[in-house]
N, C-alpha and C. Protein backbone atom coordinates (compact mmCIF):
# COMPACT_ATOMS: atom_id res chain seq x y z
N MET A 1 -200.05 57.59 10.96
CA MET A 1 -200.78 58.04 9.78
C MET A 1 -200.38 57.18 8.59
N THR A 2 -201.35 56.94 7.75
CA THR A 2 -201.04 56.19 6.53
C THR A 2 -200.34 57.12 5.54
N GLN A 3 -199.82 56.53 4.48
CA GLN A 3 -199.08 57.33 3.50
C GLN A 3 -199.96 58.43 2.90
N ALA A 4 -201.20 58.11 2.56
CA ALA A 4 -202.08 59.11 1.96
C ALA A 4 -202.35 60.26 2.93
N VAL A 5 -202.54 59.92 4.20
CA VAL A 5 -202.79 60.95 5.21
C VAL A 5 -201.53 61.78 5.43
N ASP A 6 -200.38 61.11 5.48
CA ASP A 6 -199.10 61.83 5.60
C ASP A 6 -198.94 62.83 4.46
N SER A 7 -199.27 62.39 3.26
CA SER A 7 -199.14 63.23 2.08
C SER A 7 -200.09 64.43 2.17
N LEU A 8 -201.31 64.19 2.59
CA LEU A 8 -202.30 65.26 2.74
C LEU A 8 -201.82 66.27 3.79
N PHE A 9 -201.28 65.76 4.91
CA PHE A 9 -200.75 66.63 5.96
C PHE A 9 -199.60 67.48 5.41
N ASP A 10 -198.66 66.83 4.75
CA ASP A 10 -197.50 67.55 4.19
C ASP A 10 -197.92 68.60 3.16
N GLN A 11 -198.91 68.26 2.33
CA GLN A 11 -199.41 69.22 1.35
C GLN A 11 -200.04 70.42 2.05
N GLY A 12 -200.79 70.15 3.11
CA GLY A 12 -201.40 71.24 3.88
C GLY A 12 -200.35 72.16 4.47
N ILE A 13 -199.28 71.59 5.01
CA ILE A 13 -198.19 72.38 5.59
C ILE A 13 -197.53 73.23 4.50
N GLU A 14 -197.27 72.62 3.36
CA GLU A 14 -196.64 73.36 2.26
C GLU A 14 -197.53 74.50 1.77
N ARG A 15 -198.82 74.25 1.68
CA ARG A 15 -199.75 75.30 1.25
C ARG A 15 -199.77 76.44 2.28
N TYR A 16 -199.71 76.09 3.56
CA TYR A 16 -199.68 77.11 4.61
C TYR A 16 -198.40 77.94 4.48
N LYS A 17 -197.27 77.26 4.32
CA LYS A 17 -195.99 77.96 4.19
C LYS A 17 -195.94 78.84 2.95
N ALA A 18 -196.69 78.45 1.92
CA ALA A 18 -196.74 79.23 0.69
C ALA A 18 -197.64 80.46 0.84
N GLY A 19 -198.31 80.58 2.00
CA GLY A 19 -199.10 81.77 2.25
C GLY A 19 -200.59 81.63 2.03
N GLU A 20 -201.04 80.40 1.80
CA GLU A 20 -202.48 80.21 1.60
C GLU A 20 -203.25 80.63 2.84
N GLU A 21 -204.45 81.12 2.63
CA GLU A 21 -205.29 81.59 3.73
C GLU A 21 -205.67 80.43 4.65
N PRO A 22 -205.56 80.64 5.96
CA PRO A 22 -205.90 79.59 6.93
C PRO A 22 -207.31 79.03 6.74
N GLU A 23 -208.24 79.88 6.40
CA GLU A 23 -209.64 79.45 6.23
C GLU A 23 -209.76 78.31 5.21
N THR A 24 -208.99 78.40 4.13
CA THR A 24 -209.08 77.37 3.09
C THR A 24 -208.37 76.08 3.48
N LEU A 25 -207.50 76.15 4.48
CA LEU A 25 -206.75 74.96 4.91
C LEU A 25 -207.46 74.18 6.02
N ILE A 26 -208.42 74.80 6.68
CA ILE A 26 -209.12 74.11 7.77
C ILE A 26 -209.72 72.78 7.30
N PRO A 27 -210.42 72.73 6.15
CA PRO A 27 -210.97 71.43 5.72
C PRO A 27 -209.90 70.35 5.50
N VAL A 28 -208.73 70.77 5.03
CA VAL A 28 -207.63 69.81 4.80
C VAL A 28 -207.22 69.18 6.14
N PHE A 29 -207.00 70.03 7.14
CA PHE A 29 -206.54 69.50 8.43
C PHE A 29 -207.66 68.79 9.19
N LYS A 30 -208.91 69.20 8.95
CA LYS A 30 -210.03 68.45 9.55
C LYS A 30 -210.06 67.04 9.00
N GLU A 31 -209.83 66.93 7.69
CA GLU A 31 -209.82 65.60 7.08
C GLU A 31 -208.66 64.75 7.63
N VAL A 32 -207.49 65.37 7.79
CA VAL A 32 -206.36 64.63 8.36
C VAL A 32 -206.72 64.15 9.77
N CYS A 33 -207.31 65.03 10.57
CA CYS A 33 -207.69 64.66 11.94
C CYS A 33 -208.74 63.56 11.95
N ASP A 34 -209.69 63.61 11.01
CA ASP A 34 -210.71 62.56 10.92
C ASP A 34 -210.09 61.22 10.54
N ARG A 35 -209.12 61.27 9.64
CA ARG A 35 -208.50 60.03 9.15
C ARG A 35 -207.38 59.53 10.05
N ALA A 36 -206.80 60.42 10.83
CA ALA A 36 -205.71 60.04 11.76
C ALA A 36 -205.97 60.72 13.10
N PRO A 37 -206.99 60.28 13.83
CA PRO A 37 -207.40 60.98 15.06
C PRO A 37 -206.36 60.97 16.18
N LYS A 38 -205.30 60.18 16.04
CA LYS A 38 -204.27 60.16 17.08
C LYS A 38 -203.02 60.94 16.67
N SER A 39 -203.17 61.79 15.68
CA SER A 39 -202.04 62.60 15.20
C SER A 39 -202.02 63.94 15.92
N SER A 40 -201.15 64.05 16.89
CA SER A 40 -201.03 65.32 17.62
C SER A 40 -200.66 66.48 16.70
N PRO A 41 -199.71 66.30 15.76
CA PRO A 41 -199.38 67.43 14.88
C PRO A 41 -200.59 67.93 14.07
N ALA A 42 -201.45 67.02 13.64
CA ALA A 42 -202.62 67.42 12.87
C ALA A 42 -203.57 68.25 13.73
N TRP A 43 -203.82 67.81 14.96
CA TRP A 43 -204.70 68.56 15.86
C TRP A 43 -204.09 69.91 16.21
N THR A 44 -202.77 69.94 16.37
CA THR A 44 -202.08 71.19 16.70
C THR A 44 -202.20 72.18 15.54
N CYS A 45 -202.03 71.71 14.32
CA CYS A 45 -202.16 72.57 13.15
C CYS A 45 -203.61 73.06 13.01
N LEU A 46 -204.57 72.17 13.21
CA LEU A 46 -205.97 72.56 13.10
C LEU A 46 -206.30 73.63 14.14
N ALA A 47 -205.82 73.46 15.35
CA ALA A 47 -206.07 74.45 16.41
C ALA A 47 -205.48 75.81 15.99
N TRP A 48 -204.27 75.81 15.45
CA TRP A 48 -203.62 77.04 15.02
C TRP A 48 -204.45 77.75 13.94
N LEU A 49 -204.94 76.97 12.98
CA LEU A 49 -205.76 77.55 11.91
C LEU A 49 -207.05 78.15 12.47
N TYR A 50 -207.66 77.45 13.42
CA TYR A 50 -208.86 78.00 14.05
C TYR A 50 -208.55 79.30 14.79
N LEU A 51 -207.41 79.35 15.45
CA LEU A 51 -207.02 80.57 16.16
C LEU A 51 -206.82 81.73 15.18
N LEU A 52 -206.18 81.44 14.07
CA LEU A 52 -205.93 82.47 13.06
C LEU A 52 -207.23 83.00 12.43
N THR A 53 -208.27 82.18 12.46
CA THR A 53 -209.55 82.58 11.84
C THR A 53 -210.60 82.94 12.88
N ASP A 54 -210.15 83.28 14.08
CA ASP A 54 -211.04 83.75 15.15
C ASP A 54 -212.14 82.76 15.51
N LYS A 55 -211.73 81.50 15.68
CA LYS A 55 -212.66 80.46 16.12
C LYS A 55 -212.07 79.80 17.38
N PRO A 56 -211.98 80.58 18.49
CA PRO A 56 -211.30 80.06 19.68
C PRO A 56 -211.97 78.85 20.33
N GLY A 57 -213.28 78.72 20.21
CA GLY A 57 -213.95 77.56 20.79
C GLY A 57 -213.53 76.27 20.10
N LYS A 58 -213.52 76.30 18.77
CA LYS A 58 -213.06 75.14 18.00
C LYS A 58 -211.57 74.90 18.22
N ALA A 59 -210.82 76.00 18.33
CA ALA A 59 -209.38 75.89 18.58
C ALA A 59 -209.13 75.21 19.92
N TYR A 60 -209.92 75.56 20.91
CA TYR A 60 -209.78 74.98 22.25
C TYR A 60 -209.95 73.46 22.18
N ASP A 61 -211.00 73.02 21.51
CA ASP A 61 -211.25 71.57 21.41
C ASP A 61 -210.11 70.85 20.69
N ALA A 62 -209.65 71.42 19.58
CA ALA A 62 -208.56 70.80 18.82
C ALA A 62 -207.26 70.82 19.62
N ALA A 63 -206.98 71.95 20.28
CA ALA A 63 -205.74 72.08 21.05
C ALA A 63 -205.73 71.10 22.23
N GLN A 64 -206.88 70.91 22.86
CA GLN A 64 -206.95 69.94 23.96
C GLN A 64 -206.56 68.55 23.48
N LYS A 65 -207.05 68.18 22.30
CA LYS A 65 -206.71 66.86 21.75
C LYS A 65 -205.21 66.78 21.45
N GLY A 66 -204.64 67.85 20.89
CA GLY A 66 -203.22 67.88 20.59
C GLY A 66 -202.37 67.71 21.84
N VAL A 67 -202.75 68.41 22.92
CA VAL A 67 -202.00 68.32 24.17
C VAL A 67 -202.18 66.94 24.80
N LYS A 68 -203.38 66.40 24.74
CA LYS A 68 -203.63 65.08 25.32
C LYS A 68 -202.78 64.02 24.62
N LEU A 69 -202.66 64.14 23.30
CA LEU A 69 -201.89 63.16 22.53
C LEU A 69 -200.38 63.35 22.70
N ASN A 70 -199.94 64.58 22.90
CA ASN A 70 -198.51 64.84 23.09
C ASN A 70 -198.32 65.99 24.07
N PRO A 71 -198.31 65.68 25.38
CA PRO A 71 -198.18 66.73 26.40
C PRO A 71 -196.85 67.49 26.35
N GLN A 72 -195.84 66.96 25.65
CA GLN A 72 -194.54 67.60 25.59
C GLN A 72 -194.37 68.49 24.35
N ASP A 73 -195.45 68.70 23.59
CA ASP A 73 -195.37 69.56 22.41
C ASP A 73 -195.67 71.00 22.82
N PRO A 74 -194.64 71.87 22.80
CA PRO A 74 -194.86 73.23 23.26
C PRO A 74 -195.87 74.00 22.40
N GLN A 75 -195.90 73.74 21.09
CA GLN A 75 -196.85 74.46 20.24
C GLN A 75 -198.29 74.06 20.57
N ALA A 76 -198.51 72.80 20.86
CA ALA A 76 -199.86 72.36 21.24
C ALA A 76 -200.30 73.09 22.50
N ARG A 77 -199.38 73.23 23.45
CA ARG A 77 -199.71 73.94 24.71
C ARG A 77 -199.92 75.43 24.48
N ILE A 78 -199.14 76.03 23.60
CA ILE A 78 -199.34 77.44 23.28
C ILE A 78 -200.72 77.64 22.65
N ASN A 79 -201.07 76.76 21.73
CA ASN A 79 -202.39 76.85 21.10
C ASN A 79 -203.50 76.74 22.14
N LEU A 80 -203.33 75.82 23.07
CA LEU A 80 -204.34 75.66 24.12
C LEU A 80 -204.40 76.91 24.98
N ALA A 81 -203.25 77.45 25.35
CA ALA A 81 -203.22 78.67 26.16
C ALA A 81 -203.88 79.83 25.41
N LEU A 82 -203.61 79.96 24.12
CA LEU A 82 -204.23 81.02 23.33
C LEU A 82 -205.75 80.86 23.28
N ALA A 83 -206.20 79.64 23.04
CA ALA A 83 -207.64 79.39 23.00
C ALA A 83 -208.27 79.67 24.36
N MET A 84 -207.56 79.34 25.43
CA MET A 84 -208.08 79.61 26.77
C MET A 84 -208.17 81.12 27.02
N LEU A 85 -207.15 81.85 26.61
CA LEU A 85 -207.19 83.32 26.75
C LEU A 85 -208.36 83.90 25.95
N ASP A 86 -208.53 83.41 24.72
CA ASP A 86 -209.56 83.96 23.84
C ASP A 86 -210.98 83.55 24.23
N THR A 87 -211.10 82.53 25.07
CA THR A 87 -212.42 82.11 25.54
C THR A 87 -212.59 82.38 27.03
N SER A 88 -211.65 83.10 27.61
CA SER A 88 -211.70 83.49 29.04
C SER A 88 -211.76 82.30 29.99
N LYS A 89 -211.01 81.25 29.67
CA LYS A 89 -210.93 80.08 30.56
C LYS A 89 -209.74 80.25 31.49
N LYS A 90 -209.84 79.63 32.64
CA LYS A 90 -208.76 79.68 33.63
C LYS A 90 -207.76 78.55 33.38
N GLY A 91 -206.55 78.71 33.92
CA GLY A 91 -205.55 77.65 33.84
C GLY A 91 -204.46 77.88 32.81
N VAL A 92 -204.39 79.07 32.28
CA VAL A 92 -203.41 79.38 31.23
C VAL A 92 -201.98 79.27 31.75
N ARG A 93 -201.74 79.75 32.95
CA ARG A 93 -200.38 79.81 33.50
C ARG A 93 -199.69 78.45 33.48
N GLN A 94 -200.41 77.41 33.84
CA GLN A 94 -199.84 76.07 33.89
C GLN A 94 -199.24 75.69 32.53
N HIS A 95 -199.94 75.99 31.46
CA HIS A 95 -199.45 75.63 30.12
C HIS A 95 -198.26 76.48 29.72
N VAL A 96 -198.30 77.76 30.06
CA VAL A 96 -197.19 78.66 29.75
C VAL A 96 -195.93 78.22 30.50
N GLU A 97 -196.09 77.84 31.76
CA GLU A 97 -194.94 77.40 32.55
C GLU A 97 -194.32 76.13 31.99
N ILE A 98 -195.13 75.21 31.50
CA ILE A 98 -194.61 73.99 30.90
C ILE A 98 -193.83 74.32 29.63
N VAL A 99 -194.37 75.23 28.82
CA VAL A 99 -193.67 75.65 27.60
C VAL A 99 -192.35 76.31 27.96
N GLN A 100 -192.34 77.16 29.00
CA GLN A 100 -191.10 77.81 29.42
C GLN A 100 -190.03 76.77 29.75
N LYS A 101 -190.43 75.72 30.45
CA LYS A 101 -189.47 74.66 30.80
C LYS A 101 -188.98 73.92 29.56
N LEU A 102 -189.89 73.63 28.65
CA LEU A 102 -189.52 72.89 27.44
C LEU A 102 -188.55 73.68 26.57
N ILE A 103 -188.79 74.98 26.42
CA ILE A 103 -187.90 75.76 25.55
C ILE A 103 -186.61 76.15 26.25
N LEU A 104 -186.59 76.02 27.56
CA LEU A 104 -185.37 76.28 28.31
C LEU A 104 -184.33 75.19 28.06
N VAL A 105 -184.80 73.96 27.90
CA VAL A 105 -183.87 72.84 27.72
C VAL A 105 -183.57 72.54 26.25
N SER A 106 -184.29 73.19 25.34
CA SER A 106 -184.06 72.92 23.92
C SER A 106 -184.05 74.21 23.12
N SER A 107 -182.87 74.59 22.66
CA SER A 107 -182.76 75.81 21.85
C SER A 107 -183.50 75.62 20.52
N GLU A 108 -183.55 74.38 20.03
CA GLU A 108 -184.26 74.09 18.79
C GLU A 108 -185.76 74.36 18.95
N LEU A 109 -186.34 73.89 20.06
CA LEU A 109 -187.75 74.15 20.33
C LEU A 109 -188.00 75.64 20.53
N ARG A 110 -187.10 76.29 21.23
CA ARG A 110 -187.23 77.73 21.47
C ARG A 110 -187.28 78.49 20.14
N GLU A 111 -186.36 78.15 19.25
CA GLU A 111 -186.30 78.80 17.94
C GLU A 111 -187.58 78.55 17.15
N GLU A 112 -188.06 77.31 17.18
CA GLU A 112 -189.29 76.95 16.46
C GLU A 112 -190.49 77.75 17.00
N ILE A 113 -190.58 77.87 18.31
CA ILE A 113 -191.68 78.61 18.93
C ILE A 113 -191.58 80.10 18.58
N GLU A 114 -190.37 80.65 18.62
CA GLU A 114 -190.19 82.05 18.25
C GLU A 114 -190.64 82.29 16.80
N GLN A 115 -190.29 81.37 15.91
CA GLN A 115 -190.70 81.50 14.50
C GLN A 115 -192.21 81.39 14.36
N ASN A 116 -192.82 80.46 15.09
CA ASN A 116 -194.27 80.29 15.02
C ASN A 116 -195.00 81.53 15.53
N ILE A 117 -194.48 82.11 16.60
CA ILE A 117 -195.10 83.33 17.14
C ILE A 117 -194.98 84.46 16.13
N GLN A 118 -193.81 84.59 15.52
CA GLN A 118 -193.62 85.63 14.52
C GLN A 118 -194.56 85.42 13.34
N ASP A 119 -194.69 84.17 12.91
CA ASP A 119 -195.60 83.84 11.82
C ASP A 119 -197.04 84.23 12.19
N GLY A 120 -197.44 83.90 13.40
CA GLY A 120 -198.79 84.23 13.85
C GLY A 120 -199.04 85.72 13.86
N LEU A 121 -198.05 86.49 14.33
CA LEU A 121 -198.21 87.94 14.40
C LEU A 121 -198.15 88.58 13.00
N THR A 122 -197.48 87.91 12.07
CA THR A 122 -197.46 88.39 10.69
C THR A 122 -198.82 88.15 10.02
N ARG A 123 -199.36 86.95 10.24
CA ARG A 123 -200.64 86.60 9.62
C ARG A 123 -201.83 87.27 10.29
N LYS A 124 -201.69 87.55 11.58
CA LYS A 124 -202.78 88.16 12.35
C LYS A 124 -202.18 89.26 13.22
N PRO A 125 -201.87 90.41 12.60
CA PRO A 125 -201.24 91.51 13.34
C PRO A 125 -202.11 91.94 14.53
N GLU A 126 -201.42 92.37 15.57
CA GLU A 126 -202.08 92.85 16.79
C GLU A 126 -202.94 91.77 17.45
N TRP A 127 -202.47 90.54 17.38
CA TRP A 127 -203.12 89.40 18.04
C TRP A 127 -202.74 89.49 19.52
N LYS A 128 -203.63 90.08 20.30
CA LYS A 128 -203.34 90.41 21.71
C LYS A 128 -202.93 89.19 22.52
N SER A 129 -203.65 88.09 22.37
CA SER A 129 -203.33 86.89 23.16
C SER A 129 -201.95 86.36 22.83
N LEU A 130 -201.60 86.36 21.56
CA LEU A 130 -200.28 85.87 21.15
C LEU A 130 -199.19 86.82 21.62
N GLU A 131 -199.47 88.11 21.59
CA GLU A 131 -198.50 89.07 22.11
C GLU A 131 -198.26 88.83 23.61
N ARG A 132 -199.31 88.52 24.35
CA ARG A 132 -199.16 88.22 25.78
C ARG A 132 -198.31 86.97 25.99
N ILE A 133 -198.58 85.93 25.22
CA ILE A 133 -197.81 84.68 25.34
C ILE A 133 -196.34 84.96 25.02
N LYS A 134 -196.08 85.75 23.99
CA LYS A 134 -194.71 86.09 23.60
C LYS A 134 -193.98 86.77 24.75
N VAL A 135 -194.63 87.72 25.39
CA VAL A 135 -194.02 88.42 26.52
C VAL A 135 -193.74 87.44 27.66
N TRP A 136 -194.72 86.61 27.98
CA TRP A 136 -194.54 85.65 29.07
C TRP A 136 -193.39 84.70 28.81
N LEU A 137 -193.24 84.27 27.56
CA LEU A 137 -192.19 83.28 27.25
C LEU A 137 -190.82 83.89 27.06
N PHE A 138 -190.73 85.06 26.45
CA PHE A 138 -189.43 85.56 26.04
C PHE A 138 -189.01 86.88 26.65
N GLU A 139 -189.92 87.57 27.32
CA GLU A 139 -189.56 88.88 27.84
C GLU A 139 -189.77 89.00 29.33
N SER A 140 -190.04 87.88 29.99
CA SER A 140 -190.26 87.96 31.44
C SER A 140 -189.07 87.46 32.22
């Protein structure tokens, strides 16, 4: 990513952390993805925002790009699994199993995923798909 795109991405993250509504951040991350189409973090963030705003079809497309660009990113795989659950697609288990392996070898990744899941459930209470993923990853 170029400096301007990096800055736009960082500003979007800060706005999200400050509690801004996901709907208003989608255009920011769409622009980052348009300007830096090989940025897995940008696609992963865009997918998450789509999931939070009940747009699982768009989330699926963005999450697929995130996973393709970085297959070892557990959040990208969680987003893809969530989008698959929300669109009734098959193949969720494979992504959950990969995430389980990734967080097993890295306590840092595990902690990050736990925080992201908590954030998701705070922003979108009673998110059934995310609750299922949480159980599969941490309570099974």
